[in-house]
């Protein structure tokens, strides 16, 4: 069996707090390492080396870790990525297991907590009274709570070791955690909104294209090298608009061109003549990611943009925030331009305002 980290830290990425989460992870890991005398005390996705296939690293850690530490925040339960991490670990230990040891990162306020998470205790008194009100983030940022924070981290590290030694979590190979069910998912409602991904897959890449951004399916395309695929990020944006995301490939959505949605296009896919012809017929908004970390695309950008101009009108996006904004704009435009459908029957006369009545 591969070497098992004591714990897996599951958290919702946020550019503002990621560095604080990483600092918290390091503090807990240092204490676990010192007490348990292990080389790899914990796993956090920031540890994946540059160029590494990060879904494989995450899947292996979820297959072998002894304790799952979810970091509760207001947006944690909105994340399909986090829900699948939880689902993958629960497959090994079952729901409600003591091997799931949650911590509160920031106040949840009116966040709807799914049942699988709500039944677990996260109000650890070891972090002090301020923790229950402000979470770990509030405690670790303020100097006057520093000792309480250190005591809480020390307690959490010992608790992780205790759980890792006493709660049996059988090893189970998880080839790809992204294929696991989302533990936070409910029955989705709302009008369908199609997210069509047009990208190559491994084994069918054009020329000497860098394979690091691709997977077994076009849906695995990850141009921003983030913790989840571009399709998953788009689906979350769509859900926040009150819509039901329907994510698929160009072939899967071939007969849905007249339905509302958005196309996420990798310009490298246009090397295929059949793809070019199909993309040229699309009527949905086409978004093309350009990421500074993709040096090969940057060096070939002139040629790739030329192929785009010859094929389709597209909007460039530089990050996931731009993706969210363009999807919102597309939905607002649809609502603004949608035709009105008055109720059947004769129209009634418009009401008119009259002056105030005079009192006799």
Protein backbone atom coordinates (compact mmCIF):
# COMPACT_ATOMS: atom_id res chain seq x y z
CA UNK A 1 0.00 0.00 0.00
CA UNK A 2 1.34 3.51 -0.78
CA UNK A 3 2.56 5.58 2.16
CA UNK A 4 -0.36 7.05 4.06
CA UNK A 5 -0.46 10.68 5.22
CA UNK A 6 -2.06 11.05 8.61
CA UNK A 7 -4.57 13.61 7.41
CA UNK A 8 -6.01 15.18 4.27
CA UNK A 9 -6.91 18.87 4.44
CA UNK A 10 -9.99 19.68 2.36
CA UNK A 11 -10.74 23.38 1.83
CA UNK A 12 -12.41 25.75 -0.62
CA UNK A 13 -9.81 27.73 -2.50
CA UNK A 14 -9.94 31.49 -2.10
CA UNK A 15 -7.17 33.80 -3.26
CA UNK A 16 -7.54 35.93 -0.13
CA UNK A 17 -7.24 33.20 2.49
CA UNK A 18 -5.25 30.43 0.74
CA UNK A 19 -1.98 31.57 2.32
CA UNK A 20 -3.58 31.54 5.77
CA UNK A 21 -4.95 28.04 5.20
CA UNK A 22 -1.48 26.92 4.09
CA UNK A 23 0.01 28.42 7.25
CA UNK A 24 -2.56 26.60 9.39
CA UNK A 25 -1.80 23.36 7.54
CA UNK A 26 1.93 23.78 8.19
CA UNK A 27 1.41 24.39 11.91
CA UNK A 28 -0.75 21.28 12.31
CA UNK A 29 1.61 19.20 10.14
CA UNK A 30 4.65 20.27 12.16
CA UNK A 31 3.01 19.11 15.40
CA UNK A 32 1.82 15.82 13.88
CA UNK A 33 5.31 15.21 12.48
CA UNK A 34 6.97 15.91 15.83
CA UNK A 35 4.65 13.68 17.87
CA UNK A 36 4.04 10.81 15.45
CA UNK A 37 7.55 10.89 13.97
CA UNK A 38 6.30 10.58 10.39
CA UNK A 39 7.80 11.99 7.22
CA UNK A 40 4.47 12.88 5.57
CA UNK A 41 2.05 14.01 8.28
CA UNK A 42 -0.58 15.57 6.02
CA UNK A 43 -1.67 16.35 2.49
CA UNK A 44 -2.81 19.64 1.01
CA UNK A 45 -3.23 20.23 -2.71
CA UNK A 46 -0.66 23.05 -2.65
CA UNK A 47 1.97 20.33 -2.18
CA UNK A 48 1.47 18.99 -5.70
CA UNK A 49 4.68 19.78 -7.61
CA UNK A 50 4.60 22.05 -10.62
CA UNK A 51 3.88 19.92 -13.67
CA UNK A 52 2.45 17.11 -11.54
CA UNK A 53 -0.85 15.50 -12.46
CA UNK A 54 -2.71 16.88 -9.50
CA UNK A 55 -5.91 14.75 -9.71
CA UNK A 56 -3.67 11.67 -9.37
CA UNK A 57 -1.93 13.11 -6.29
CA UNK A 58 -5.25 14.04 -4.70
CA UNK A 59 -6.76 10.64 -5.49
CA UNK A 60 -3.81 8.78 -4.00
CA UNK A 61 -3.92 10.86 -0.81
CA UNK A 62 -7.69 10.22 -0.46
CA UNK A 63 -7.04 6.51 -0.98
CA UNK A 64 -4.52 6.28 1.85
CA UNK A 65 -5.00 9.07 4.43
CA UNK A 66 -6.18 8.13 7.92
CA UNK A 67 -8.10 11.29 8.83
CA UNK A 68 -10.10 13.72 6.68
CA UNK A 69 -10.02 17.33 7.95
CA UNK A 70 -12.60 19.50 6.15
CA UNK A 71 -12.25 23.25 6.68
CA UNK A 72 -15.78 24.66 7.00
CA UNK A 73 -16.41 28.07 5.43
CA UNK A 74 -19.42 29.83 3.92
CA UNK A 75 -18.59 28.58 0.42
CA UNK A 76 -17.10 25.18 1.28
CA UNK A 77 -20.36 23.31 0.75
CA UNK A 78 -20.94 25.03 -2.60
CA UNK A 79 -17.80 23.42 -3.98
CA UNK A 80 -18.33 20.33 -6.11
CA UNK A 81 -14.58 19.72 -5.84
CA UNK A 82 -14.76 19.59 -2.00
CA UNK A 83 -17.95 17.51 -2.13
CA UNK A 84 -16.21 14.88 -4.24
CA UNK A 85 -13.21 14.82 -1.90
CA UNK A 86 -15.63 14.18 0.97
CA UNK A 87 -17.48 11.58 -1.09
CA UNK A 88 -14.26 9.77 -1.97
CA UNK A 89 -13.12 9.52 1.66
CA UNK A 90 -16.62 8.54 2.86
CA UNK A 91 -16.47 5.64 0.44
CA UNK A 92 -13.70 4.24 2.63
CA UNK A 93 -15.03 5.00 6.11
CA UNK A 94 -18.78 5.58 5.74
CA UNK A 95 -20.77 8.76 6.60
CA UNK A 96 -20.50 10.19 10.09
CA UNK A 97 -17.20 8.45 10.81
CA UNK A 98 -14.93 9.74 13.58
CA UNK A 99 -12.21 9.77 10.93
CA UNK A 100 -13.81 12.94 9.56
CA UNK A 101 -12.60 15.72 11.85
CA UNK A 102 -13.97 19.12 10.73
CA UNK A 103 -12.73 22.54 11.80
CA UNK A 104 -14.44 25.91 11.46
CA UNK A 105 -12.48 28.36 9.32
CA UNK A 106 -14.85 31.34 9.43
CA UNK A 107 -18.45 31.99 10.61
CA UNK A 108 -21.04 30.08 8.59
CA UNK A 109 -23.87 32.57 9.31
CA UNK A 110 -26.92 31.33 7.36
CA UNK A 111 -25.00 28.79 5.25
CA UNK A 112 -27.01 25.63 4.62
CA UNK A 113 -24.87 22.77 5.96
CA UNK A 114 -25.58 19.38 4.34
CA UNK A 115 -26.61 16.55 6.62
CA UNK A 116 -23.34 14.64 6.21
CA UNK A 117 -21.47 17.63 7.65
CA UNK A 118 -24.04 18.87 10.15
CA UNK A 119 -23.93 15.69 12.22
CA UNK A 120 -20.22 16.16 12.99
CA UNK A 121 -18.89 18.32 15.80
CA UNK A 122 -16.64 21.20 14.80
CA UNK A 123 -16.97 23.42 17.90
CA UNK A 124 -13.65 22.41 19.44
CA UNK A 125 -13.28 24.11 22.82
CA UNK A 126 -9.51 23.76 22.67
CA UNK A 127 -9.34 26.78 20.34
CA UNK A 128 -11.05 28.98 22.93
CA UNK A 129 -14.32 30.93 22.99
CA UNK A 130 -13.33 33.22 20.11
CA UNK A 131 -13.04 30.21 17.80
CA UNK A 132 -16.76 29.43 18.11
CA UNK A 133 -17.56 33.00 17.05
CA UNK A 134 -14.84 33.79 14.50
CA UNK A 135 -13.36 30.45 13.44
CA UNK A 136 -9.68 29.61 13.05
CA UNK A 137 -9.09 32.49 10.65
CA UNK A 138 -10.27 35.02 13.24
CA UNK A 139 -8.20 33.45 16.01
CA UNK A 140 -4.93 33.13 14.11
CA UNK A 141 -5.03 36.67 12.68
CA UNK A 142 -5.28 38.46 16.03
CA UNK A 143 -2.20 38.65 18.24
CA UNK A 144 -4.15 38.53 21.51
CA UNK A 145 -5.47 35.04 20.62
CA UNK A 146 -2.08 33.63 19.65
CA UNK A 147 -1.72 31.35 22.68
CA UNK A 148 -5.25 30.02 22.22
CA UNK A 149 -4.45 29.32 18.59
CA UNK A 150 -1.26 27.42 19.47
CA UNK A 151 -3.10 25.36 22.07
CA UNK A 152 -5.85 24.58 19.57
CA UNK A 153 -3.39 23.48 16.89
CA UNK A 154 -1.57 21.30 19.41
CA UNK A 155 -4.86 19.71 20.48
CA UNK A 156 -5.93 19.15 16.85
CA UNK A 157 -2.61 17.50 15.97
CA UNK A 158 -2.90 15.11 18.91
CA UNK A 159 -6.52 14.39 18.03
CA UNK A 160 -5.54 13.60 14.43
CA UNK A 161 -2.91 11.15 15.67
CA UNK A 162 -5.35 9.57 18.14
CA UNK A 163 -8.02 9.11 15.48
CA UNK A 164 -5.45 7.83 12.98
CA UNK A 165 -4.33 5.15 15.42
CA UNK A 166 -7.72 4.06 16.80
CA UNK A 167 -10.24 4.46 13.96
CA UNK A 168 -9.85 1.90 11.20
CA UNK A 169 -10.22 3.31 7.69
CA UNK A 170 -9.53 0.53 5.17
CA UNK A 171 -7.29 1.33 2.24
CA UNK A 172 -9.26 1.59 -0.98
CA UNK A 173 -7.75 2.64 -4.28
CA UNK A 174 -9.57 5.63 -5.76
CA UNK A 175 -8.32 5.97 -9.36
CA UNK A 176 -9.96 9.37 -9.87
CA UNK A 177 -11.74 11.13 -7.01
CA UNK A 178 -13.52 13.38 -9.54
CA UNK A 179 -15.65 10.40 -10.55
CA UNK A 180 -16.98 10.02 -6.99
CA UNK A 181 -20.42 11.40 -6.07
CA UNK A 182 -20.59 14.89 -4.62
CA UNK A 183 -21.44 14.38 -0.95
CA UNK A 184 -23.05 17.83 -0.80
CA UNK A 185 -25.20 17.46 -3.89
CA UNK A 186 -28.96 17.70 -3.76
CA UNK A 187 -31.47 17.22 -6.52
CA UNK A 188 -30.75 20.10 -8.87
CA UNK A 189 -33.61 22.19 -10.10
CA UNK A 190 -33.91 25.20 -12.33
CA UNK A 191 -33.77 25.83 -16.04
CA UNK A 192 -30.95 23.88 -17.74
CA UNK A 193 -27.88 25.84 -18.84
CA UNK A 194 -25.47 23.98 -21.09
CA UNK A 195 -21.70 24.21 -20.59
CA UNK A 196 -20.02 22.74 -23.67
CA UNK A 197 -16.32 21.93 -23.42
CA UNK A 198 -14.34 21.80 -26.66
CA UNK A 199 -10.84 20.53 -25.96
CA UNK A 200 -8.55 17.63 -26.91
CA UNK A 201 -8.00 14.64 -24.66
CA UNK A 202 -4.85 12.73 -23.79
CA UNK A 203 -3.91 10.44 -26.64
CA UNK A 204 -5.34 12.82 -29.23
CA UNK A 205 -3.36 16.01 -28.67
CA UNK A 206 -2.24 18.05 -31.68
CA UNK A 207 1.48 18.06 -32.46
CA UNK A 208 3.71 18.33 -29.42
CA UNK A 209 1.07 19.99 -27.21
CA UNK A 210 1.92 19.92 -23.48
CA UNK A 211 -0.25 17.13 -21.94
CA UNK A 212 -0.22 18.66 -18.45
CA UNK A 213 -3.53 20.49 -18.96
CA UNK A 214 -5.54 17.49 -20.20
CA UNK A 215 -7.06 14.20 -19.10
CA UNK A 216 -8.92 11.18 -20.42
CA UNK A 217 -11.90 13.31 -21.48
CA UNK A 218 -12.29 16.84 -22.87
CA UNK A 219 -14.08 17.58 -19.59
CA UNK A 220 -10.76 17.09 -17.76
CA UNK A 221 -9.27 20.16 -19.46
CA UNK A 222 -7.71 22.38 -16.78
CA UNK A 223 -6.18 25.45 -18.49
CA UNK A 224 -5.71 27.42 -15.27
CA UNK A 225 -4.02 24.47 -13.49
CA UNK A 226 -6.37 24.94 -10.53
CA UNK A 227 -7.86 22.51 -7.99
CA UNK A 228 -10.71 21.64 -10.33
CA UNK A 229 -11.42 21.52 -14.03
CA UNK A 230 -12.71 24.49 -15.98
CA UNK A 231 -16.00 22.65 -16.52
CA UNK A 232 -16.46 22.20 -12.75
CA UNK A 233 -15.77 25.88 -12.12
CA UNK A 234 -18.27 26.91 -14.79
CA UNK A 235 -20.90 24.57 -13.33
CA UNK A 236 -20.57 26.24 -9.91
CA UNK A 237 -21.02 29.67 -11.47
CA UNK A 238 -24.15 28.46 -13.26
CA UNK A 239 -25.60 27.07 -10.03
CA UNK A 240 -25.08 30.41 -8.30
CA UNK A 241 -27.27 31.95 -11.02
CA UNK A 242 -30.11 29.64 -9.93
CA UNK A 243 -29.73 27.51 -13.05
CA UNK A 244 -29.07 23.79 -13.55
CA UNK A 245 -25.72 23.14 -15.25
CA UNK A 246 -25.63 20.49 -17.97
CA UNK A 247 -21.95 19.89 -18.70
CA UNK A 248 -20.87 17.96 -21.77
CA UNK A 249 -18.55 17.68 -24.73
CA UNK A 250 -19.12 19.01 -28.24
CA UNK A 251 -20.41 15.59 -29.36
CA UNK A 252 -22.75 15.25 -26.38
CA UNK A 253 -24.27 18.70 -26.99
CA UNK A 254 -24.36 18.46 -30.78
CA UNK A 255 -28.18 18.58 -30.88
CA UNK A 256 -28.58 21.36 -28.30
CA UNK A 257 -27.28 24.36 -30.18
CA UNK A 258 -30.59 26.18 -29.83
CA UNK A 259 -30.57 25.95 -26.04
CA UNK A 260 -29.06 28.51 -23.69
CA UNK A 261 -25.48 27.97 -22.62
CA UNK A 262 -21.82 28.78 -23.09
CA UNK A 263 -18.92 27.15 -24.95
CA UNK A 264 -15.47 26.77 -23.36
CA UNK A 265 -13.01 26.41 -26.23
CA UNK A 266 -9.37 25.35 -26.23
CA UNK A 267 -7.89 26.91 -29.40
CA UNK A 268 -5.59 23.88 -29.74
CA UNK A 269 -8.69 21.82 -30.55
CA UNK A 270 -9.11 23.75 -33.82
CA UNK A 271 -6.25 21.75 -35.33
CA UNK A 272 -8.94 19.17 -36.10
CA UNK A 273 -10.94 20.04 -39.23
CA UNK A 274 -14.10 18.39 -37.93
CA UNK A 275 -13.92 20.41 -34.72
CA UNK A 276 -13.41 23.65 -36.69
CA UNK A 277 -16.50 22.97 -38.79
CA UNK A 278 -18.62 22.11 -35.75
CA UNK A 279 -17.44 25.14 -33.76
CA UNK A 280 -18.15 27.46 -36.71
CA UNK A 281 -21.83 26.44 -36.49
CA UNK A 282 -22.20 27.22 -32.78
CA UNK A 283 -24.47 30.06 -31.71
CA UNK A 284 -23.76 30.12 -27.97
CA UNK A 285 -21.13 32.54 -26.57
CA UNK A 286 -17.62 31.12 -26.99
CA UNK A 287 -15.04 31.74 -24.24
CA UNK A 288 -11.33 31.03 -24.72
CA UNK A 289 -9.00 30.88 -21.68
CA UNK A 290 -5.51 32.38 -21.90
CA UNK A 291 -3.39 31.62 -18.85
CA UNK A 292 0.04 33.14 -18.18
CA UNK A 293 1.24 29.81 -16.80
CA UNK A 294 0.71 28.10 -20.15
CA UNK A 295 3.98 29.14 -21.77
CA UNK A 296 3.43 27.02 -24.87
CA UNK A 297 0.10 28.71 -25.65
CA UNK A 298 1.67 32.09 -25.00
CA UNK A 299 4.45 31.41 -27.51
CA UNK A 300 1.92 30.18 -30.09
CA UNK A 301 -0.77 32.76 -29.35
CA UNK A 302 -0.53 34.57 -32.68
CA UNK A 303 -1.09 31.37 -34.65
CA UNK A 304 -3.86 30.17 -32.32
CA UNK A 305 -5.69 33.50 -32.46
CA UNK A 306 -5.47 33.40 -36.25
CA UNK A 307 -7.23 30.01 -36.27
CA UNK A 308 -9.87 31.42 -33.93
CA UNK A 309 -10.57 34.44 -36.14
CA UNK A 310 -11.06 32.17 -39.13
CA UNK A 311 -13.50 29.95 -37.22
CA UNK A 312 -15.61 31.77 -34.65
CA UNK A 313 -16.04 35.00 -32.69
CA UNK A 314 -14.71 34.35 -29.21
CA UNK A 315 -14.15 36.20 -25.94
CA UNK A 316 -10.83 35.74 -24.11
CA UNK A 317 -10.78 35.04 -20.35
CA UNK A 318 -7.72 35.23 -18.13
CA UNK A 319 -9.01 33.56 -14.95
CA UNK A 320 -12.05 32.03 -13.28
CA UNK A 321 -13.36 35.44 -12.14
CA UNK A 322 -13.57 36.49 -15.77
CA UNK A 323 -15.39 33.25 -16.57
CA UNK A 324 -17.97 33.95 -13.85
CA UNK A 325 -18.54 37.51 -15.03
CA UNK A 326 -19.05 36.52 -18.68
CA UNK A 327 -21.52 33.78 -17.76
CA UNK A 328 -23.46 36.29 -15.65
CA UNK A 329 -23.48 38.76 -18.53
CA UNK A 330 -24.73 36.09 -20.95
CA UNK A 331 -27.62 35.23 -18.62
CA UNK A 332 -28.56 38.89 -18.07
CA UNK A 333 -28.53 39.42 -21.85
CA UNK A 334 -30.81 36.43 -22.34
CA UNK A 335 -33.30 37.73 -19.79
CA UNK A 336 -33.23 41.23 -21.27
CA UNK A 337 -33.77 40.02 -24.84
CA UNK A 338 -36.26 37.24 -24.09
CA UNK A 339 -39.67 37.74 -25.74
CA UNK A 340 -42.68 38.42 -23.56
CA UNK A 341 -45.57 36.01 -23.43
CA UNK A 342 -48.79 37.76 -22.26
CA UNK A 343 -51.61 35.60 -20.89
CA UNK A 344 -54.27 34.44 -23.36
CA UNK A 345 -57.46 36.40 -23.88
CA UNK A 346 -58.30 40.02 -24.68
CA UNK A 347 -56.09 42.69 -23.22
CA UNK A 348 -57.47 44.92 -20.52
CA UNK A 349 -57.32 48.70 -20.49
CA UNK A 350 -54.28 50.11 -18.77
CA UNK A 351 -55.06 51.61 -15.35
CA UNK A 352 -54.91 55.40 -15.11
CA UNK A 353 -54.16 57.56 -12.15
CA UNK A 354 -56.84 60.04 -11.17
CA UNK A 355 -56.72 62.96 -8.81
CA UNK A 356 -57.64 62.65 -5.14
CA UNK A 357 -61.29 62.40 -4.30
CA UNK A 358 -62.91 65.46 -2.80
CA UNK A 359 -64.60 65.10 0.55
CA UNK A 360 -68.00 66.65 0.94
